[in-house]
N, C-alpha and C. Protein backbone atom coordinates (compact mmCIF):
# COMPACT_ATOMS: atom_id res chain seq x y z
N MET A 1 108.56 -152.90 3.16
CA MET A 1 109.14 -151.87 4.01
C MET A 1 108.88 -150.48 3.43
N ARG A 2 107.73 -150.32 2.78
CA ARG A 2 107.34 -149.02 2.26
C ARG A 2 106.10 -148.56 3.01
N ASP A 3 105.88 -147.26 3.08
CA ASP A 3 104.73 -146.78 3.84
C ASP A 3 103.43 -146.94 3.06
N TRP A 4 102.32 -146.82 3.79
CA TRP A 4 100.99 -147.08 3.25
C TRP A 4 100.71 -146.20 2.03
N ARG A 5 101.02 -144.91 2.13
CA ARG A 5 100.72 -144.00 1.00
C ARG A 5 101.46 -144.39 -0.27
N GLU A 6 102.72 -144.75 -0.15
CA GLU A 6 103.48 -145.16 -1.33
C GLU A 6 102.90 -146.44 -1.93
N ASN A 7 102.56 -147.40 -1.08
CA ASN A 7 101.96 -148.63 -1.58
C ASN A 7 100.59 -148.37 -2.20
N GLN A 8 99.81 -147.47 -1.61
CA GLN A 8 98.49 -147.14 -2.16
C GLN A 8 98.64 -146.52 -3.56
N ARG A 9 99.63 -145.65 -3.74
CA ARG A 9 99.86 -145.06 -5.07
C ARG A 9 100.26 -146.14 -6.08
N THR A 10 101.01 -147.13 -5.61
CA THR A 10 101.40 -148.24 -6.49
C THR A 10 100.18 -149.03 -6.92
N VAL A 11 99.27 -149.28 -5.99
CA VAL A 11 98.02 -149.99 -6.32
C VAL A 11 97.22 -149.18 -7.35
N GLN A 12 97.14 -147.87 -7.15
CA GLN A 12 96.40 -147.02 -8.09
C GLN A 12 97.03 -147.05 -9.48
N LEU A 13 98.36 -146.99 -9.55
CA LEU A 13 99.05 -147.08 -10.85
C LEU A 13 98.76 -148.41 -11.54
N SER A 14 98.78 -149.47 -10.77
CA SER A 14 98.50 -150.80 -11.31
C SER A 14 97.11 -150.83 -11.93
N ARG A 15 96.15 -150.29 -11.21
CA ARG A 15 94.77 -150.27 -11.72
C ARG A 15 94.64 -149.37 -12.93
N ARG A 16 95.23 -148.18 -12.88
CA ARG A 16 95.11 -147.21 -13.96
C ARG A 16 95.64 -147.75 -15.28
N TYR A 17 96.78 -148.44 -15.22
CA TYR A 17 97.40 -148.91 -16.45
C TYR A 17 97.10 -150.38 -16.76
N GLY A 18 96.27 -151.02 -15.92
CA GLY A 18 95.91 -152.40 -16.16
C GLY A 18 97.10 -153.35 -16.07
N MET A 19 98.05 -153.00 -15.24
CA MET A 19 99.25 -153.82 -15.08
C MET A 19 99.14 -154.63 -13.79
N PRO A 20 99.73 -155.82 -13.77
CA PRO A 20 99.66 -156.61 -12.54
C PRO A 20 100.45 -155.96 -11.41
N LEU A 21 99.96 -156.14 -10.22
CA LEU A 21 100.63 -155.65 -9.02
C LEU A 21 101.55 -156.76 -8.53
N VAL A 22 102.81 -156.43 -8.30
CA VAL A 22 103.80 -157.41 -7.87
C VAL A 22 104.48 -156.90 -6.62
N SER A 23 104.62 -157.77 -5.63
CA SER A 23 105.35 -157.37 -4.43
C SER A 23 106.84 -157.42 -4.74
N GLY A 24 107.62 -156.86 -3.86
CA GLY A 24 109.05 -156.91 -4.12
C GLY A 24 109.83 -156.19 -3.06
N GLY A 25 111.10 -156.16 -3.25
CA GLY A 25 111.96 -155.47 -2.31
C GLY A 25 113.20 -156.30 -2.04
N ASP A 26 114.24 -155.63 -1.67
CA ASP A 26 115.50 -156.27 -1.38
C ASP A 26 115.63 -156.35 0.14
N ARG A 27 115.38 -157.50 0.69
CA ARG A 27 115.38 -157.68 2.14
C ARG A 27 116.78 -158.04 2.62
N HIS A 28 117.17 -157.44 3.72
CA HIS A 28 118.46 -157.76 4.31
C HIS A 28 118.33 -158.31 5.71
N GLY A 29 117.14 -158.22 6.29
CA GLY A 29 116.91 -158.77 7.62
C GLY A 29 116.42 -160.20 7.53
N ARG A 30 115.93 -160.71 8.64
CA ARG A 30 115.48 -162.10 8.68
C ARG A 30 113.98 -162.22 8.51
N GLU A 31 113.24 -161.16 8.75
CA GLU A 31 111.79 -161.22 8.62
C GLU A 31 111.41 -161.29 7.15
N PRO A 32 110.49 -162.18 6.79
CA PRO A 32 110.03 -162.20 5.39
C PRO A 32 109.36 -160.89 5.03
N ASN A 33 109.33 -160.59 3.77
CA ASN A 33 108.67 -159.38 3.30
C ASN A 33 107.22 -159.38 3.75
N ALA A 34 106.66 -158.21 4.02
CA ALA A 34 105.27 -158.10 4.46
C ALA A 34 104.29 -158.17 3.29
N ALA A 35 104.77 -158.01 2.07
CA ALA A 35 103.95 -158.16 0.87
C ALA A 35 104.56 -159.29 0.05
N LEU A 36 103.77 -160.32 -0.17
CA LEU A 36 104.26 -161.51 -0.87
C LEU A 36 103.40 -161.82 -2.08
N ASN A 37 104.01 -162.35 -3.11
CA ASN A 37 103.27 -162.85 -4.27
C ASN A 37 102.94 -164.32 -4.05
N LEU A 38 101.68 -164.67 -4.28
CA LEU A 38 101.28 -166.07 -4.27
C LEU A 38 101.35 -166.57 -5.70
N THR A 39 101.91 -167.76 -5.89
CA THR A 39 102.10 -168.27 -7.24
C THR A 39 102.09 -169.79 -7.23
N ASN A 40 101.79 -170.36 -8.37
CA ASN A 40 101.91 -171.81 -8.56
C ASN A 40 103.20 -172.14 -9.31
N ALA A 41 103.99 -171.12 -9.62
CA ALA A 41 105.23 -171.32 -10.38
C ALA A 41 106.22 -172.16 -9.59
N THR A 42 107.01 -172.93 -10.32
CA THR A 42 108.04 -173.74 -9.68
C THR A 42 109.43 -173.12 -9.81
N ASP A 43 109.54 -172.05 -10.61
CA ASP A 43 110.81 -171.35 -10.72
C ASP A 43 110.54 -169.91 -11.14
N PHE A 44 111.59 -169.10 -11.16
CA PHE A 44 111.41 -167.67 -11.46
C PHE A 44 110.88 -167.45 -12.87
N GLY A 45 111.31 -168.25 -13.83
CA GLY A 45 110.83 -168.11 -15.20
C GLY A 45 109.33 -168.28 -15.30
N GLU A 46 108.81 -169.29 -14.62
CA GLU A 46 107.35 -169.50 -14.61
C GLU A 46 106.64 -168.34 -13.93
N PHE A 47 107.22 -167.85 -12.84
CA PHE A 47 106.62 -166.71 -12.15
C PHE A 47 106.58 -165.49 -13.07
N ALA A 48 107.68 -165.22 -13.76
CA ALA A 48 107.73 -164.08 -14.69
C ALA A 48 106.68 -164.25 -15.78
N SER A 49 106.50 -165.46 -16.27
CA SER A 49 105.47 -165.71 -17.30
C SER A 49 104.08 -165.41 -16.77
N GLU A 50 103.81 -165.82 -15.52
CA GLU A 50 102.50 -165.50 -14.91
C GLU A 50 102.27 -164.00 -14.90
N VAL A 51 103.28 -163.27 -14.42
CA VAL A 51 103.14 -161.81 -14.30
C VAL A 51 102.95 -161.18 -15.68
N ARG A 52 103.69 -161.65 -16.68
CA ARG A 52 103.57 -161.10 -18.04
C ARG A 52 102.17 -161.29 -18.61
N THR A 53 101.49 -162.35 -18.18
CA THR A 53 100.13 -162.59 -18.67
C THR A 53 99.09 -161.87 -17.81
N GLY A 54 99.56 -161.13 -16.82
CA GLY A 54 98.64 -160.35 -15.98
C GLY A 54 98.19 -161.06 -14.72
N LEU A 55 98.73 -162.23 -14.46
CA LEU A 55 98.34 -162.98 -13.27
C LEU A 55 99.28 -162.64 -12.12
N SER A 56 98.74 -162.07 -11.07
CA SER A 56 99.53 -161.73 -9.89
C SER A 56 98.60 -161.60 -8.70
N HIS A 57 98.90 -162.36 -7.67
CA HIS A 57 98.13 -162.30 -6.43
C HIS A 57 99.08 -161.90 -5.31
N VAL A 58 98.81 -160.75 -4.70
CA VAL A 58 99.65 -160.24 -3.62
C VAL A 58 98.90 -160.40 -2.31
N VAL A 59 99.57 -160.93 -1.32
CA VAL A 59 99.00 -161.05 0.02
C VAL A 59 99.81 -160.15 0.96
N ILE A 60 99.10 -159.45 1.82
CA ILE A 60 99.74 -158.57 2.82
C ILE A 60 99.76 -159.32 4.14
N MET A 61 100.93 -159.50 4.68
CA MET A 61 101.11 -160.26 5.92
C MET A 61 100.78 -159.39 7.13
N PRO A 62 100.46 -160.02 8.26
CA PRO A 62 100.06 -159.27 9.46
C PRO A 62 101.09 -158.24 9.93
N GLN A 63 102.38 -158.51 9.76
CA GLN A 63 103.38 -157.56 10.25
C GLN A 63 103.32 -156.21 9.54
N TYR A 64 102.63 -156.17 8.39
CA TYR A 64 102.49 -154.89 7.68
C TYR A 64 101.75 -153.86 8.54
N ARG A 65 100.88 -154.33 9.42
CA ARG A 65 100.10 -153.43 10.28
C ARG A 65 100.92 -152.82 11.41
N ARG A 66 102.08 -153.40 11.67
CA ARG A 66 102.93 -152.87 12.73
C ARG A 66 103.57 -151.56 12.26
N PRO A 67 103.88 -150.66 13.18
CA PRO A 67 104.46 -149.37 12.79
C PRO A 67 105.73 -149.53 11.96
N LEU A 68 105.77 -148.85 10.82
CA LEU A 68 106.91 -148.96 9.92
C LEU A 68 108.24 -148.55 10.57
N PRO A 69 108.28 -147.46 11.35
CA PRO A 69 109.56 -147.12 11.99
C PRO A 69 110.08 -148.25 12.89
N LEU A 70 109.17 -148.92 13.59
CA LEU A 70 109.59 -150.02 14.45
C LEU A 70 110.10 -151.19 13.61
N ARG A 71 109.46 -151.45 12.49
CA ARG A 71 109.92 -152.53 11.61
C ARG A 71 111.31 -152.21 11.04
N PHE A 72 111.59 -150.94 10.73
CA PHE A 72 112.93 -150.55 10.29
C PHE A 72 113.95 -150.79 11.41
N ILE A 73 113.60 -150.41 12.62
CA ILE A 73 114.50 -150.61 13.77
C ILE A 73 114.78 -152.10 13.94
N GLU A 74 113.73 -152.93 13.88
CA GLU A 74 113.91 -154.37 14.04
C GLU A 74 114.73 -154.96 12.89
N ASN A 75 114.50 -154.47 11.68
CA ASN A 75 115.24 -154.95 10.53
C ASN A 75 116.74 -154.64 10.70
N PHE A 76 117.05 -153.41 11.08
CA PHE A 76 118.46 -153.05 11.30
C PHE A 76 119.06 -153.90 12.41
N SER A 77 118.29 -154.10 13.48
CA SER A 77 118.77 -154.92 14.58
C SER A 77 119.07 -156.34 14.12
N ASP A 78 118.22 -156.89 13.24
CA ASP A 78 118.48 -158.22 12.66
C ASP A 78 119.79 -158.23 11.89
N ILE A 79 120.01 -157.19 11.10
CA ILE A 79 121.21 -157.13 10.26
C ILE A 79 122.47 -157.14 11.11
N VAL A 80 122.43 -156.44 12.24
CA VAL A 80 123.63 -156.32 13.08
C VAL A 80 123.62 -157.31 14.24
N SER A 81 122.84 -158.38 14.12
CA SER A 81 122.83 -159.44 15.13
C SER A 81 123.68 -160.61 14.67
N ASP A 82 124.07 -161.42 15.63
CA ASP A 82 124.81 -162.64 15.30
C ASP A 82 123.91 -163.60 14.54
N ALA A 83 124.51 -164.37 13.68
CA ALA A 83 123.80 -165.39 12.90
C ALA A 83 124.56 -166.71 13.05
N PRO A 84 124.36 -167.40 14.20
CA PRO A 84 125.15 -168.60 14.48
C PRO A 84 124.98 -169.71 13.44
N ASP A 85 123.88 -169.67 12.70
CA ASP A 85 123.62 -170.72 11.71
C ASP A 85 123.93 -170.28 10.28
N HIS A 86 124.70 -169.20 10.12
CA HIS A 86 125.01 -168.71 8.78
C HIS A 86 125.73 -169.78 7.97
N GLY A 87 125.24 -170.02 6.76
CA GLY A 87 125.75 -171.09 5.91
C GLY A 87 127.22 -170.99 5.56
N LEU A 88 127.77 -169.77 5.55
CA LEU A 88 129.19 -169.61 5.22
C LEU A 88 130.05 -169.37 6.45
N GLY A 89 129.43 -169.48 7.62
CA GLY A 89 130.18 -169.30 8.86
C GLY A 89 130.39 -167.85 9.27
N TRP A 90 129.71 -166.93 8.59
CA TRP A 90 129.85 -165.51 8.91
C TRP A 90 128.89 -165.18 10.06
N THR A 91 129.27 -165.54 11.25
CA THR A 91 128.35 -165.44 12.38
C THR A 91 128.18 -164.02 12.93
N HIS A 92 129.22 -163.22 12.89
CA HIS A 92 129.13 -161.84 13.38
C HIS A 92 128.82 -160.91 12.21
N TRP A 93 128.02 -159.88 12.47
CA TRP A 93 127.59 -159.01 11.37
C TRP A 93 128.75 -158.33 10.66
N THR A 94 129.85 -158.12 11.35
CA THR A 94 131.00 -157.47 10.70
C THR A 94 131.65 -158.38 9.66
N GLN A 95 131.30 -159.67 9.69
CA GLN A 95 131.79 -160.60 8.67
C GLN A 95 130.88 -160.61 7.44
N ARG A 96 129.70 -159.93 7.54
CA ARG A 96 128.72 -159.93 6.45
C ARG A 96 128.57 -158.55 5.80
N VAL A 97 129.41 -157.61 6.19
CA VAL A 97 129.41 -156.27 5.60
C VAL A 97 130.74 -156.10 4.89
N PHE A 98 130.66 -155.73 3.61
CA PHE A 98 131.86 -155.69 2.78
C PHE A 98 132.13 -154.28 2.27
N ARG A 99 133.42 -154.03 2.02
CA ARG A 99 133.84 -152.73 1.48
C ARG A 99 134.93 -152.96 0.45
N ARG A 100 134.79 -152.30 -0.69
CA ARG A 100 135.86 -152.33 -1.69
C ARG A 100 136.88 -151.27 -1.26
N CYS A 101 138.10 -151.71 -1.03
CA CYS A 101 139.15 -150.83 -0.53
C CYS A 101 139.86 -150.12 -1.68
N ASP A 102 140.68 -149.16 -1.31
CA ASP A 102 141.41 -148.38 -2.31
C ASP A 102 142.28 -149.24 -3.22
N ASP A 103 142.74 -150.38 -2.72
CA ASP A 103 143.57 -151.27 -3.55
C ASP A 103 142.73 -152.18 -4.45
N GLY A 104 141.41 -152.00 -4.43
CA GLY A 104 140.51 -152.78 -5.28
C GLY A 104 140.03 -154.07 -4.64
N GLU A 105 140.62 -154.46 -3.53
CA GLU A 105 140.22 -155.68 -2.84
C GLU A 105 138.95 -155.44 -2.02
N VAL A 106 138.13 -156.47 -1.91
CA VAL A 106 136.92 -156.42 -1.09
C VAL A 106 137.24 -157.08 0.24
N ARG A 107 136.98 -156.35 1.32
CA ARG A 107 137.25 -156.86 2.66
C ARG A 107 136.02 -156.68 3.54
N THR A 108 135.92 -157.53 4.55
CA THR A 108 134.81 -157.38 5.50
C THR A 108 135.14 -156.26 6.48
N LEU A 109 134.09 -155.75 7.09
CA LEU A 109 134.27 -154.73 8.12
C LEU A 109 135.12 -155.31 9.25
N GLY A 110 134.92 -156.59 9.55
CA GLY A 110 135.72 -157.24 10.59
C GLY A 110 137.20 -157.26 10.24
N GLU A 111 137.52 -157.55 8.98
CA GLU A 111 138.94 -157.54 8.55
C GLU A 111 139.54 -156.16 8.70
N LEU A 112 138.77 -155.15 8.38
CA LEU A 112 139.26 -153.78 8.42
C LEU A 112 139.43 -153.25 9.85
N HIS A 113 138.71 -153.87 10.80
CA HIS A 113 138.74 -153.36 12.18
C HIS A 113 139.15 -154.43 13.18
N GLY A 114 139.99 -155.36 12.74
CA GLY A 114 140.51 -156.36 13.67
C GLY A 114 139.43 -157.25 14.27
N ASN A 115 138.43 -157.60 13.45
CA ASN A 115 137.31 -158.44 13.89
C ASN A 115 136.56 -157.87 15.08
N ARG A 116 136.56 -156.55 15.19
CA ARG A 116 135.78 -155.86 16.22
C ARG A 116 134.91 -154.83 15.54
N GLU A 117 133.83 -154.47 16.20
CA GLU A 117 132.98 -153.39 15.69
C GLU A 117 133.70 -152.06 15.93
N PRO A 118 133.69 -151.17 14.95
CA PRO A 118 134.18 -149.82 15.22
C PRO A 118 133.36 -149.23 16.37
N VAL A 119 133.99 -148.46 17.24
CA VAL A 119 133.34 -147.95 18.45
C VAL A 119 132.03 -147.23 18.15
N ALA A 120 132.02 -146.33 17.17
CA ALA A 120 130.81 -145.58 16.85
C ALA A 120 129.67 -146.52 16.44
N LEU A 121 130.01 -147.53 15.63
CA LEU A 121 128.98 -148.49 15.21
C LEU A 121 128.54 -149.38 16.36
N ALA A 122 129.44 -149.70 17.27
CA ALA A 122 129.08 -150.51 18.44
C ALA A 122 128.04 -149.78 19.28
N ILE A 123 128.17 -148.47 19.40
CA ILE A 123 127.20 -147.67 20.16
C ILE A 123 125.84 -147.69 19.44
N VAL A 124 125.85 -147.46 18.13
CA VAL A 124 124.61 -147.45 17.36
C VAL A 124 123.93 -148.81 17.43
N THR A 125 124.66 -149.88 17.23
CA THR A 125 124.05 -151.21 17.25
C THR A 125 123.52 -151.55 18.64
N ALA A 126 124.20 -151.11 19.68
CA ALA A 126 123.72 -151.36 21.05
C ALA A 126 122.39 -150.65 21.28
N VAL A 127 122.26 -149.43 20.79
CA VAL A 127 121.00 -148.69 20.93
C VAL A 127 119.87 -149.41 20.21
N PHE A 128 120.13 -149.87 18.99
CA PHE A 128 119.09 -150.57 18.23
C PHE A 128 118.71 -151.88 18.92
N ARG A 129 119.67 -152.59 19.46
CA ARG A 129 119.36 -153.83 20.18
C ARG A 129 118.51 -153.54 21.42
N LEU A 130 118.82 -152.45 22.11
CA LEU A 130 118.04 -152.05 23.27
C LEU A 130 116.59 -151.74 22.87
N LEU A 131 116.43 -151.02 21.76
CA LEU A 131 115.08 -150.67 21.30
C LEU A 131 114.25 -151.90 20.94
N CYS A 132 114.91 -153.00 20.62
CA CYS A 132 114.21 -154.21 20.20
C CYS A 132 114.10 -155.25 21.32
N ASN A 133 114.62 -154.95 22.49
CA ASN A 133 114.56 -155.99 23.52
C ASN A 133 113.12 -156.23 23.96
N ARG A 134 112.91 -157.30 24.70
CA ARG A 134 111.53 -157.74 24.99
C ARG A 134 110.74 -156.78 25.87
N TYR A 135 111.40 -155.82 26.51
CA TYR A 135 110.70 -154.85 27.33
C TYR A 135 110.47 -153.53 26.60
N VAL A 136 111.50 -153.04 25.94
CA VAL A 136 111.42 -151.73 25.28
C VAL A 136 110.63 -151.82 23.98
N GLY A 137 110.84 -152.88 23.19
CA GLY A 137 110.17 -153.03 21.89
C GLY A 137 108.66 -152.91 21.96
N PRO A 138 107.99 -153.70 22.83
CA PRO A 138 106.53 -153.58 22.91
C PRO A 138 106.06 -152.20 23.37
N ALA A 139 106.79 -151.58 24.29
CA ALA A 139 106.41 -150.23 24.74
C ALA A 139 106.56 -149.24 23.59
N LEU A 140 107.63 -149.38 22.83
CA LEU A 140 107.85 -148.50 21.68
C LEU A 140 106.74 -148.69 20.65
N GLU A 141 106.34 -149.93 20.42
CA GLU A 141 105.27 -150.20 19.45
C GLU A 141 103.96 -149.55 19.89
N ARG A 142 103.64 -149.64 21.17
CA ARG A 142 102.40 -149.01 21.67
C ARG A 142 102.44 -147.50 21.55
N ALA A 143 103.64 -146.92 21.61
CA ALA A 143 103.77 -145.47 21.54
C ALA A 143 103.68 -144.94 20.11
N MET A 144 103.81 -145.82 19.13
CA MET A 144 103.78 -145.40 17.72
C MET A 144 102.38 -145.57 17.13
N PRO A 145 102.01 -144.67 16.21
CA PRO A 145 100.70 -144.84 15.59
C PRO A 145 100.67 -146.09 14.72
N PRO A 146 99.53 -146.80 14.68
CA PRO A 146 99.45 -148.00 13.84
C PRO A 146 99.52 -147.65 12.37
N THR A 147 99.93 -148.62 11.58
CA THR A 147 100.00 -148.43 10.12
C THR A 147 98.62 -148.68 9.54
N ARG A 148 98.20 -147.83 8.61
CA ARG A 148 96.93 -148.04 7.93
C ARG A 148 97.07 -149.20 6.97
N GLU A 149 95.95 -149.82 6.66
CA GLU A 149 95.96 -150.95 5.74
C GLU A 149 95.71 -150.47 4.32
N LEU A 150 96.17 -151.26 3.37
CA LEU A 150 95.86 -150.97 1.96
C LEU A 150 94.37 -151.11 1.75
N GLY A 151 93.82 -150.22 0.96
CA GLY A 151 92.38 -150.31 0.69
C GLY A 151 92.10 -150.62 -0.74
């Protein structure tokens, strides 16, 4: 979820200092990262050992070519969508957003707002869902300039 220029500078730094290039990022949506590390490791320790020895293969997935602003919109829309298959039963997004309150307790946004979206957030989330629907999303994508590829 970084732009082409920033990723290109990262590639240049990797080459300049002879360090392995590693993909990464903290994803909160449902779409897999657009930059992935390929590895034969069976656990994180083995993967870290590969990287320490200079072995790192990064693959750029097709969604990287899609406009970054649209991918951000879709990612936010994923975050604020229902997740009926959530492993802990947190199906509504307000059950998956937490806040440490003044009394030190951590509560969900749903607990703080009577299991409803605050009105201002309901408006924002509705707009993002509209931008991602099957009619508006493709039109929005065509209106945005394509993302350049890493060279």
